[in-house]
All heavy atoms as atom14 arrays in JSON, in Angstrom:
{
  "sequence": "SPQTIRRTPRLIRSSDPEMIHLSLITKGTVGFRMGGPDALYGPYEL",
  "atom14_mask": [
    [1, 1, 1, 1, 1, 1, 0, 0, 0, 0, 0, 0, 0, 0],
    [1, 1, 1, 1, 1, 1, 1, 0, 0, 0, 0, 0, 0, 0],
    [1, 1, 1, 1, 1, 1, 1, 1, 1, 0, 0, 0, 0, 0],
    [1, 1, 1, 1, 1, 1, 1, 0, 0, 0, 0, 0, 0, 0],
    [1, 1, 1, 1, 1, 1, 1, 1, 0, 0, 0, 0, 0, 0],
    [1, 1, 1, 1, 1, 1, 1, 1, 1, 1, 1, 0, 0, 0],
    [1, 1, 1, 1, 1, 1, 1, 1, 1, 1, 1, 0, 0, 0],
    [1, 1, 1, 1, 1, 1, 1, 0, 0, 0, 0, 0, 0, 0],
    [1, 1, 1, 1, 1, 1, 1, 0, 0, 0, 0, 0, 0, 0],
    [1, 1, 1, 1, 1, 1, 1, 1, 1, 1, 1, 0, 0, 0],
    [1, 1, 1, 1, 1, 1, 1, 1, 0, 0, 0, 0, 0, 0],
    [1, 1, 1, 1, 1, 1, 1, 1, 0, 0, 0, 0, 0, 0],
    [1, 1, 1, 1, 1, 1, 1, 1, 1, 1, 1, 0, 0, 0],
    [1, 1, 1, 1, 1, 1, 0, 0, 0, 0, 0, 0, 0, 0],
    [1, 1, 1, 1, 1, 1, 0, 0, 0, 0, 0, 0, 0, 0],
    [1, 1, 1, 1, 1, 1, 1, 1, 0, 0, 0, 0, 0, 0],
    [1, 1, 1, 1, 1, 1, 1, 0, 0, 0, 0, 0, 0, 0],
    [1, 1, 1, 1, 1, 1, 1, 1, 1, 0, 0, 0, 0, 0],
    [1, 1, 1, 1, 1, 1, 1, 1, 0, 0, 0, 0, 0, 0],
    [1, 1, 1, 1, 1, 1, 1, 1, 0, 0, 0, 0, 0, 0],
    [1, 1, 1, 1, 1, 1, 1, 1, 1, 1, 0, 0, 0, 0],
    [1, 1, 1, 1, 1, 1, 1, 1, 0, 0, 0, 0, 0, 0],
    [1, 1, 1, 1, 1, 1, 0, 0, 0, 0, 0, 0, 0, 0],
    [1, 1, 1, 1, 1, 1, 1, 1, 0, 0, 0, 0, 0, 0],
    [1, 1, 1, 1, 1, 1, 1, 1, 0, 0, 0, 0, 0, 0],
    [1, 1, 1, 1, 1, 1, 1, 0, 0, 0, 0, 0, 0, 0],
    [1, 1, 1, 1, 1, 1, 1, 1, 1, 0, 0, 0, 0, 0],
    [1, 1, 1, 1, 0, 0, 0, 0, 0, 0, 0, 0, 0, 0],
    [1, 1, 1, 1, 1, 1, 1, 0, 0, 0, 0, 0, 0, 0],
    [1, 1, 1, 1, 1, 1, 1, 0, 0, 0, 0, 0, 0, 0],
    [1, 1, 1, 1, 0, 0, 0, 0, 0, 0, 0, 0, 0, 0],
    [1, 1, 1, 1, 1, 1, 1, 1, 1, 1, 1, 0, 0, 0],
    [1, 1, 1, 1, 1, 1, 1, 1, 1, 1, 1, 0, 0, 0],
    [1, 1, 1, 1, 1, 1, 1, 1, 0, 0, 0, 0, 0, 0],
    [1, 1, 1, 1, 0, 0, 0, 0, 0, 0, 0, 0, 0, 0],
    [1, 1, 1, 1, 0, 0, 0, 0, 0, 0, 0, 0, 0, 0],
    [1, 1, 1, 1, 1, 1, 1, 0, 0, 0, 0, 0, 0, 0],
    [1, 1, 1, 1, 1, 1, 1, 1, 0, 0, 0, 0, 0, 0],
    [1, 1, 1, 1, 1, 0, 0, 0, 0, 0, 0, 0, 0, 0],
    [1, 1, 1, 1, 1, 1, 1, 1, 0, 0, 0, 0, 0, 0],
    [1, 1, 1, 1, 1, 1, 1, 1, 1, 1, 1, 1, 0, 0],
    [1, 1, 1, 1, 0, 0, 0, 0, 0, 0, 0, 0, 0, 0],
    [1, 1, 1, 1, 1, 1, 1, 0, 0, 0, 0, 0, 0, 0],
    [1, 1, 1, 1, 1, 1, 1, 1, 1, 1, 1, 1, 0, 0],
    [1, 1, 1, 1, 1, 1, 1, 1, 1, 0, 0, 0, 0, 0],
    [1, 1, 1, 1, 1, 1, 1, 1, 0, 0, 0, 0, 0, 0]
  ],
  "atom14_positions": [
    [[-10.66, 14.3, 21.7], [-10.56, 14.12, 20.22], [-9.11, 14.38, 19.9], [-8.36, 14.95, 20.69], [-11.51, 15.04, 19.51], [-11.22, 16.41, 19.79], [0.0, 0.0, 0.0], [0.0, 0.0, 0.0], [0.0, 0.0, 0.0], [0.0, 0.0, 0.0], [0.0, 0.0, 0.0], [0.0, 0.0, 0.0], [0.0, 0.0, 0.0], [0.0, 0.0, 0.0]],
    [[-8.66, 14.07, 18.67], [-7.23, 14.3, 18.29], [-6.88, 15.75, 18.44], [-7.66, 16.64, 17.97], [-7.21, 13.81, 16.88], [-8.25, 12.74, 16.81], [-9.36, 13.24, 17.64], [0.0, 0.0, 0.0], [0.0, 0.0, 0.0], [0.0, 0.0, 0.0], [0.0, 0.0, 0.0], [0.0, 0.0, 0.0], [0.0, 0.0, 0.0], [0.0, 0.0, 0.0]],
    [[-5.72, 16.01, 19.11], [-5.25, 17.35, 19.26], [-3.83, 17.33, 19.78], [-3.28, 16.28, 20.14], [-6.13, 18.14, 20.28], [-6.19, 17.38, 21.63], [-7.35, 17.97, 22.49], [-7.13, 18.87, 23.29], [-8.53, 17.41, 22.37], [0.0, 0.0, 0.0], [0.0, 0.0, 0.0], [0.0, 0.0, 0.0], [0.0, 0.0, 0.0], [0.0, 0.0, 0.0]],
    [[-3.13, 18.42, 19.66], [-1.74, 18.58, 20.06], [-1.64, 19.63, 21.15], [-2.17, 20.71, 21.06], [-0.84, 18.9, 18.93], [-0.89, 17.93, 17.96], [0.64, 19.08, 19.38], [0.0, 0.0, 0.0], [0.0, 0.0, 0.0], [0.0, 0.0, 0.0], [0.0, 0.0, 0.0], [0.0, 0.0, 0.0], [0.0, 0.0, 0.0], [0.0, 0.0, 0.0]],
    [[-0.99, 19.27, 22.31], [-0.72, 20.13, 23.38], [0.73, 20.47, 23.36], [1.64, 19.63, 23.35], [-1.09, 19.48, 24.71], [-2.55, 19.05, 24.67], [-0.82, 20.4, 25.9], [-2.9, 18.23, 25.93], [0.0, 0.0, 0.0], [0.0, 0.0, 0.0], [0.0, 0.0, 0.0], [0.0, 0.0, 0.0], [0.0, 0.0, 0.0], [0.0, 0.0, 0.0]],
    [[0.99, 21.77, 23.48], [2.41, 22.27, 23.41], [2.74, 23.15, 24.64], [1.99, 24.06, 24.96], [2.7, 23.04, 22.16], [2.73, 22.2, 20.91], [2.97, 22.96, 19.63], [3.16, 22.09, 18.5], [2.95, 22.43, 17.24], [2.6, 23.7, 16.97], [3.12, 21.58, 16.25], [0.0, 0.0, 0.0], [0.0, 0.0, 0.0], [0.0, 0.0, 0.0]],
    [[3.85, 22.88, 25.26], [4.39, 23.76, 26.26], [5.72, 24.21, 25.72], [6.62, 23.52, 25.49], [4.67, 22.96, 27.52], [5.28, 23.67, 28.68], [4.29, 24.17, 29.7], [4.93, 24.65, 30.89], [4.83, 25.9, 31.34], [3.99, 26.72, 30.74], [5.46, 26.31, 32.4], [0.0, 0.0, 0.0], [0.0, 0.0, 0.0], [0.0, 0.0, 0.0]],
    [[5.8, 25.56, 25.43], [6.96, 26.14, 24.73], [7.89, 26.83, 25.72], [7.47, 27.2, 26.85], [6.43, 27.11, 23.71], [5.74, 28.19, 24.42], [5.45, 26.5, 22.72], [0.0, 0.0, 0.0], [0.0, 0.0, 0.0], [0.0, 0.0, 0.0], [0.0, 0.0, 0.0], [0.0, 0.0, 0.0], [0.0, 0.0, 0.0], [0.0, 0.0, 0.0]],
    [[9.12, 27.13, 25.25], [9.96, 27.86, 26.14], [9.41, 29.31, 26.51], [9.61, 29.73, 27.7], [11.21, 28.09, 25.31], [11.28, 26.89, 24.44], [9.82, 26.64, 24.05], [0.0, 0.0, 0.0], [0.0, 0.0, 0.0], [0.0, 0.0, 0.0], [0.0, 0.0, 0.0], [0.0, 0.0, 0.0], [0.0, 0.0, 0.0], [0.0, 0.0, 0.0]],
    [[8.7, 29.89, 25.64], [8.1, 31.19, 25.97], [7.02, 31.05, 27.07], [6.98, 31.82, 28.08], [7.4, 31.75, 24.7], [6.57, 33.09, 25.0], [5.79, 33.48, 23.68], [4.85, 32.5, 23.32], [3.62, 32.39, 23.88], [3.27, 33.21, 24.89], [2.79, 31.47, 23.41], [0.0, 0.0, 0.0], [0.0, 0.0, 0.0], [0.0, 0.0, 0.0]],
    [[6.19, 29.96, 27.02], [5.25, 29.74, 28.05], [5.93, 29.4, 29.42], [5.44, 29.86, 30.49], [4.26, 28.61, 27.68], [3.31, 28.95, 26.51], [2.55, 27.74, 26.1], [2.36, 30.03, 26.98], [0.0, 0.0, 0.0], [0.0, 0.0, 0.0], [0.0, 0.0, 0.0], [0.0, 0.0, 0.0], [0.0, 0.0, 0.0], [0.0, 0.0, 0.0]],
    [[7.02, 28.69, 29.37], [7.72, 28.34, 30.61], [8.34, 29.63, 31.23], [8.23, 29.84, 32.44], [8.88, 27.3, 30.32], [8.24, 25.95, 29.86], [9.73, 27.11, 31.53], [9.21, 24.99, 29.37], [0.0, 0.0, 0.0], [0.0, 0.0, 0.0], [0.0, 0.0, 0.0], [0.0, 0.0, 0.0], [0.0, 0.0, 0.0], [0.0, 0.0, 0.0]],
    [[8.85, 30.49, 30.43], [9.42, 31.76, 30.93], [8.28, 32.53, 31.6], [8.5, 33.29, 32.56], [10.1, 32.54, 29.87], [11.43, 31.97, 29.44], [12.21, 32.97, 28.56], [11.53, 33.28, 27.31], [11.61, 32.63, 26.19], [12.42, 31.56, 26.1], [10.92, 33.01, 25.1], [0.0, 0.0, 0.0], [0.0, 0.0, 0.0], [0.0, 0.0, 0.0]],
    [[7.12, 32.55, 31.04], [5.99, 33.36, 31.57], [5.48, 32.82, 32.82], [5.0, 33.55, 33.73], [4.95, 33.51, 30.48], [4.21, 32.27, 30.27], [0.0, 0.0, 0.0], [0.0, 0.0, 0.0], [0.0, 0.0, 0.0], [0.0, 0.0, 0.0], [0.0, 0.0, 0.0], [0.0, 0.0, 0.0], [0.0, 0.0, 0.0], [0.0, 0.0, 0.0]],
    [[5.45, 31.51, 33.0], [4.85, 30.85, 34.17], [5.32, 29.4, 34.3], [5.12, 28.61, 33.38], [3.34, 30.88, 34.11], [2.77, 30.21, 35.21], [0.0, 0.0, 0.0], [0.0, 0.0, 0.0], [0.0, 0.0, 0.0], [0.0, 0.0, 0.0], [0.0, 0.0, 0.0], [0.0, 0.0, 0.0], [0.0, 0.0, 0.0], [0.0, 0.0, 0.0]],
    [[5.88, 29.07, 35.43], [6.27, 27.67, 35.7], [5.9, 27.29, 37.13], [6.55, 27.59, 38.05], [7.73, 27.44, 35.48], [8.12, 25.95, 35.67], [7.18, 25.14, 35.8], [9.23, 25.65, 35.7], [0.0, 0.0, 0.0], [0.0, 0.0, 0.0], [0.0, 0.0, 0.0], [0.0, 0.0, 0.0], [0.0, 0.0, 0.0], [0.0, 0.0, 0.0]],
    [[4.76, 26.56, 37.3], [4.36, 26.17, 38.65], [5.07, 24.95, 39.17], [4.75, 24.47, 40.29], [2.87, 25.81, 38.46], [2.76, 25.48, 37.04], [3.73, 26.26, 36.25], [0.0, 0.0, 0.0], [0.0, 0.0, 0.0], [0.0, 0.0, 0.0], [0.0, 0.0, 0.0], [0.0, 0.0, 0.0], [0.0, 0.0, 0.0], [0.0, 0.0, 0.0]],
    [[6.04, 24.43, 38.34], [6.81, 23.22, 38.72], [5.92, 22.06, 39.15], [6.0, 21.49, 40.2], [7.8, 23.57, 39.91], [8.77, 24.61, 39.54], [9.85, 24.82, 40.54], [9.75, 24.29, 41.66], [10.86, 25.54, 40.25], [0.0, 0.0, 0.0], [0.0, 0.0, 0.0], [0.0, 0.0, 0.0], [0.0, 0.0, 0.0], [0.0, 0.0, 0.0]],
    [[5.13, 21.68, 38.09], [4.16, 20.58, 38.27], [4.73, 19.29, 37.52], [5.27, 19.39, 36.44], [2.88, 20.94, 37.68], [2.13, 22.08, 38.42], [1.61, 21.66, 40.07], [0.19, 20.61, 39.79], [0.0, 0.0, 0.0], [0.0, 0.0, 0.0], [0.0, 0.0, 0.0], [0.0, 0.0, 0.0], [0.0, 0.0, 0.0], [0.0, 0.0, 0.0]],
    [[4.55, 18.19, 38.16], [4.81, 16.85, 37.57], [3.53, 16.28, 37.08], [2.48, 16.24, 37.82], [5.44, 15.91, 38.48], [6.83, 16.5, 39.0], [5.7, 14.53, 37.91], [7.88, 16.65, 37.95], [0.0, 0.0, 0.0], [0.0, 0.0, 0.0], [0.0, 0.0, 0.0], [0.0, 0.0, 0.0], [0.0, 0.0, 0.0], [0.0, 0.0, 0.0]],
    [[3.48, 15.75, 35.86], [2.2, 15.2, 35.22], [2.52, 13.76, 34.89], [3.61, 13.42, 34.36], [1.81, 15.92, 33.99], [0.71, 15.34, 33.27], [-0.59, 15.67, 33.52], [0.69, 14.36, 32.32], [-1.36, 14.93, 32.71], [-0.68, 14.17, 31.96], [0.0, 0.0, 0.0], [0.0, 0.0, 0.0], [0.0, 0.0, 0.0], [0.0, 0.0, 0.0]],
    [[1.54, 12.86, 35.16], [1.63, 11.46, 34.76], [0.25, 11.15, 34.21], [-0.79, 11.51, 34.77], [1.96, 10.52, 35.92], [1.97, 9.06, 35.52], [3.1, 8.32, 36.26], [0.67, 8.36, 35.85], [0.0, 0.0, 0.0], [0.0, 0.0, 0.0], [0.0, 0.0, 0.0], [0.0, 0.0, 0.0], [0.0, 0.0, 0.0], [0.0, 0.0, 0.0]],
    [[0.22, 10.5, 33.01], [-1.0, 10.03, 32.41], [-0.99, 8.54, 32.22], [0.01, 7.9, 31.74], [-1.2, 10.63, 31.05], [-1.6, 11.98, 31.06], [0.0, 0.0, 0.0], [0.0, 0.0, 0.0], [0.0, 0.0, 0.0], [0.0, 0.0, 0.0], [0.0, 0.0, 0.0], [0.0, 0.0, 0.0], [0.0, 0.0, 0.0], [0.0, 0.0, 0.0]],
    [[-2.09, 7.87, 32.65], [-2.33, 6.51, 32.33], [-3.27, 6.46, 31.2], [-4.45, 6.83, 31.26], [-2.98, 5.78, 33.57], [-3.61, 4.44, 33.28], [-2.56, 3.4, 33.0], [-4.49, 3.98, 34.49], [0.0, 0.0, 0.0], [0.0, 0.0, 0.0], [0.0, 0.0, 0.0], [0.0, 0.0, 0.0], [0.0, 0.0, 0.0], [0.0, 0.0, 0.0]],
    [[-2.82, 6.04, 30.01], [-3.62, 5.97, 28.83], [-4.46, 4.7, 28.9], [-3.91, 3.52, 29.11], [-2.73, 5.92, 27.58], [-1.85, 7.19, 27.57], [-3.59, 5.84, 26.31], [-0.63, 7.01, 26.77], [0.0, 0.0, 0.0], [0.0, 0.0, 0.0], [0.0, 0.0, 0.0], [0.0, 0.0, 0.0], [0.0, 0.0, 0.0], [0.0, 0.0, 0.0]],
    [[-5.73, 4.84, 28.75], [-6.68, 3.64, 28.8], [-7.27, 3.27, 27.45], [-7.82, 2.19, 27.24], [-7.77, 3.82, 29.87], [-8.49, 5.04, 29.54], [-7.21, 3.98, 31.23], [0.0, 0.0, 0.0], [0.0, 0.0, 0.0], [0.0, 0.0, 0.0], [0.0, 0.0, 0.0], [0.0, 0.0, 0.0], [0.0, 0.0, 0.0], [0.0, 0.0, 0.0]],
    [[-7.15, 4.2, 26.49], [-7.68, 3.93, 25.16], [-6.99, 4.92, 24.2], [-6.77, 6.06, 24.46], [-9.21, 4.23, 25.12], [-9.83, 4.05, 23.73], [-11.32, 4.44, 23.74], [-11.88, 4.3, 22.3], [-13.34, 4.77, 22.35], [0.0, 0.0, 0.0], [0.0, 0.0, 0.0], [0.0, 0.0, 0.0], [0.0, 0.0, 0.0], [0.0, 0.0, 0.0]],
    [[-6.62, 4.36, 22.99], [-5.97, 5.13, 22.02], [-4.46, 5.19, 22.14], [-3.86, 4.5, 22.95], [0.0, 0.0, 0.0], [0.0, 0.0, 0.0], [0.0, 0.0, 0.0], [0.0, 0.0, 0.0], [0.0, 0.0, 0.0], [0.0, 0.0, 0.0], [0.0, 0.0, 0.0], [0.0, 0.0, 0.0], [0.0, 0.0, 0.0], [0.0, 0.0, 0.0]],
    [[-3.79, 6.08, 21.37], [-2.42, 6.22, 21.39], [-1.99, 7.74, 21.56], [-2.78, 8.6, 21.23], [-1.72, 5.71, 20.11], [-2.26, 6.36, 18.97], [-1.95, 4.21, 19.98], [0.0, 0.0, 0.0], [0.0, 0.0, 0.0], [0.0, 0.0, 0.0], [0.0, 0.0, 0.0], [0.0, 0.0, 0.0], [0.0, 0.0, 0.0], [0.0, 0.0, 0.0]],
    [[-0.83, 7.92, 22.09], [-0.35, 9.3, 22.37], [1.1, 9.39, 21.94], [1.91, 8.62, 22.35], [-0.45, 9.63, 23.89], [0.12, 11.1, 24.17], [-1.95, 9.58, 24.32], [0.0, 0.0, 0.0], [0.0, 0.0, 0.0], [0.0, 0.0, 0.0], [0.0, 0.0, 0.0], [0.0, 0.0, 0.0], [0.0, 0.0, 0.0], [0.0, 0.0, 0.0]],
    [[1.39, 10.41, 21.05], [2.72, 10.69, 20.71], [3.32, 11.76, 21.68], [2.56, 12.56, 22.17], [0.0, 0.0, 0.0], [0.0, 0.0, 0.0], [0.0, 0.0, 0.0], [0.0, 0.0, 0.0], [0.0, 0.0, 0.0], [0.0, 0.0, 0.0], [0.0, 0.0, 0.0], [0.0, 0.0, 0.0], [0.0, 0.0, 0.0], [0.0, 0.0, 0.0]],
    [[4.6, 11.66, 21.85], [5.27, 12.55, 22.82], [6.59, 12.88, 22.39], [7.4, 12.09, 21.96], [5.32, 11.83, 24.24], [5.86, 12.67, 25.32], [5.24, 13.87, 25.68], [6.98, 12.23, 26.03], [5.75, 14.67, 26.77], [7.48, 13.04, 27.1], [6.82, 14.23, 27.39], [0.0, 0.0, 0.0], [0.0, 0.0, 0.0], [0.0, 0.0, 0.0]],
    [[6.97, 14.21, 22.6], [8.3, 14.75, 22.29], [8.75, 15.62, 23.35], [8.0, 16.6, 23.7], [8.25, 15.46, 20.95], [9.61, 15.99, 20.43], [9.43, 16.82, 19.2], [8.78, 16.03, 18.12], [7.65, 16.4, 17.58], [6.93, 17.51, 18.0], [7.05, 15.61, 16.66], [0.0, 0.0, 0.0], [0.0, 0.0, 0.0], [0.0, 0.0, 0.0]],
    [[9.89, 15.38, 24.05], [10.41, 16.23, 25.06], [11.97, 16.11, 25.14], [12.44, 15.32, 25.91], [9.81, 15.82, 26.4], [10.16, 16.87, 27.53], [9.44, 16.35, 29.18], [10.57, 14.97, 29.51], [0.0, 0.0, 0.0], [0.0, 0.0, 0.0], [0.0, 0.0, 0.0], [0.0, 0.0, 0.0], [0.0, 0.0, 0.0], [0.0, 0.0, 0.0]],
    [[12.6, 16.82, 24.29], [14.05, 16.91, 24.37], [14.75, 15.61, 23.96], [15.91, 15.45, 24.23], [0.0, 0.0, 0.0], [0.0, 0.0, 0.0], [0.0, 0.0, 0.0], [0.0, 0.0, 0.0], [0.0, 0.0, 0.0], [0.0, 0.0, 0.0], [0.0, 0.0, 0.0], [0.0, 0.0, 0.0], [0.0, 0.0, 0.0], [0.0, 0.0, 0.0]],
    [[14.03, 14.75, 23.25], [14.63, 13.49, 22.82], [13.91, 12.93, 21.67], [13.12, 13.66, 21.03], [0.0, 0.0, 0.0], [0.0, 0.0, 0.0], [0.0, 0.0, 0.0], [0.0, 0.0, 0.0], [0.0, 0.0, 0.0], [0.0, 0.0, 0.0], [0.0, 0.0, 0.0], [0.0, 0.0, 0.0], [0.0, 0.0, 0.0], [0.0, 0.0, 0.0]],
    [[14.13, 11.67, 21.31], [13.43, 11.07, 20.19], [11.88, 10.96, 20.51], [11.49, 10.88, 21.61], [14.03, 9.68, 20.02], [14.63, 9.34, 21.41], [15.05, 10.66, 21.96], [0.0, 0.0, 0.0], [0.0, 0.0, 0.0], [0.0, 0.0, 0.0], [0.0, 0.0, 0.0], [0.0, 0.0, 0.0], [0.0, 0.0, 0.0], [0.0, 0.0, 0.0]],
    [[11.19, 11.05, 19.41], [9.71, 10.93, 19.45], [9.34, 9.57, 20.08], [10.06, 8.56, 19.75], [9.0, 11.12, 18.15], [9.12, 12.53, 17.66], [9.79, 13.37, 18.37], [8.69, 12.79, 16.49], [0.0, 0.0, 0.0], [0.0, 0.0, 0.0], [0.0, 0.0, 0.0], [0.0, 0.0, 0.0], [0.0, 0.0, 0.0], [0.0, 0.0, 0.0]],
    [[8.29, 9.51, 20.9], [7.84, 8.24, 21.47], [6.34, 8.12, 21.26], [5.61, 9.13, 21.09], [8.2, 8.22, 22.94], [0.0, 0.0, 0.0], [0.0, 0.0, 0.0], [0.0, 0.0, 0.0], [0.0, 0.0, 0.0], [0.0, 0.0, 0.0], [0.0, 0.0, 0.0], [0.0, 0.0, 0.0], [0.0, 0.0, 0.0], [0.0, 0.0, 0.0]],
    [[5.81, 6.87, 21.16], [4.39, 6.58, 21.02], [3.97, 5.7, 22.15], [4.6, 4.66, 22.37], [4.16, 5.9, 19.65], [2.66, 5.76, 19.23], [2.05, 7.13, 19.09], [2.53, 4.88, 18.05], [0.0, 0.0, 0.0], [0.0, 0.0, 0.0], [0.0, 0.0, 0.0], [0.0, 0.0, 0.0], [0.0, 0.0, 0.0], [0.0, 0.0, 0.0]],
    [[2.98, 6.13, 22.88], [2.49, 5.36, 23.99], [1.06, 4.8, 23.7], [0.26, 5.44, 23.06], [2.34, 6.24, 25.28], [3.67, 6.76, 25.86], [4.35, 7.77, 25.19], [4.24, 6.17, 26.97], [5.57, 8.25, 25.68], [5.44, 6.68, 27.49], [6.09, 7.67, 26.82], [7.31, 8.1, 27.35], [0.0, 0.0, 0.0], [0.0, 0.0, 0.0]],
    [[0.86, 3.59, 24.25], [-0.44, 2.92, 24.02], [-1.15, 2.64, 25.32], [-0.67, 3.09, 26.44], [0.0, 0.0, 0.0], [0.0, 0.0, 0.0], [0.0, 0.0, 0.0], [0.0, 0.0, 0.0], [0.0, 0.0, 0.0], [0.0, 0.0, 0.0], [0.0, 0.0, 0.0], [0.0, 0.0, 0.0], [0.0, 0.0, 0.0], [0.0, 0.0, 0.0]],
    [[-2.26, 1.86, 25.31], [-3.0, 1.59, 26.5], [-2.14, 1.0, 27.61], [-1.41, 0.11, 27.41], [-4.07, 0.66, 25.99], [-4.29, 1.09, 24.54], [-2.87, 1.38, 24.11], [0.0, 0.0, 0.0], [0.0, 0.0, 0.0], [0.0, 0.0, 0.0], [0.0, 0.0, 0.0], [0.0, 0.0, 0.0], [0.0, 0.0, 0.0], [0.0, 0.0, 0.0]],
    [[-2.44, 1.5, 28.86], [-1.81, 1.02, 30.04], [-0.3, 1.21, 30.11], [0.36, 0.49, 30.85], [-2.27, -0.39, 30.34], [-3.71, -0.45, 30.64], [-4.66, -0.69, 29.61], [-4.21, -0.04, 31.88], [-6.06, -0.58, 29.82], [-5.61, 0.07, 32.11], [-6.52, -0.19, 31.11], [-7.83, -0.15, 31.32], [0.0, 0.0, 0.0], [0.0, 0.0, 0.0]],
    [[0.15, 2.25, 29.37], [1.46, 2.73, 29.57], [1.34, 4.04, 30.35], [0.34, 4.76, 30.26], [2.2, 2.9, 28.23], [2.61, 1.63, 27.56], [3.47, 1.74, 26.41], [3.04, 2.37, 25.38], [4.67, 1.38, 26.51], [0.0, 0.0, 0.0], [0.0, 0.0, 0.0], [0.0, 0.0, 0.0], [0.0, 0.0, 0.0], [0.0, 0.0, 0.0]],
    [[2.42, 4.35, 31.09], [2.46, 5.61, 31.89], [3.32, 6.58, 31.21], [4.51, 6.34, 30.96], [2.98, 5.25, 33.28], [2.17, 4.15, 34.08], [2.83, 3.84, 35.37], [0.74, 4.64, 34.33], [0.0, 0.0, 0.0], [0.0, 0.0, 0.0], [0.0, 0.0, 0.0], [0.0, 0.0, 0.0], [0.0, 0.0, 0.0], [0.0, 0.0, 0.0]]
  ]
}
C-alpha cells in the first residue's frame, strides 16, 4: 500500500551491511530521491 521508506544518515552510521538493491516495478509508480533530483519510476523500469 502507499508508504515511504527512508534510509537516513543516522541509520547508516548505526548499521551498513553494504547491500545493493534493485526493484523491478510491475504495477504502480515509485518516487525516488537519493542525492539528486527526484525521479518517478513506472512499470517495467529498474
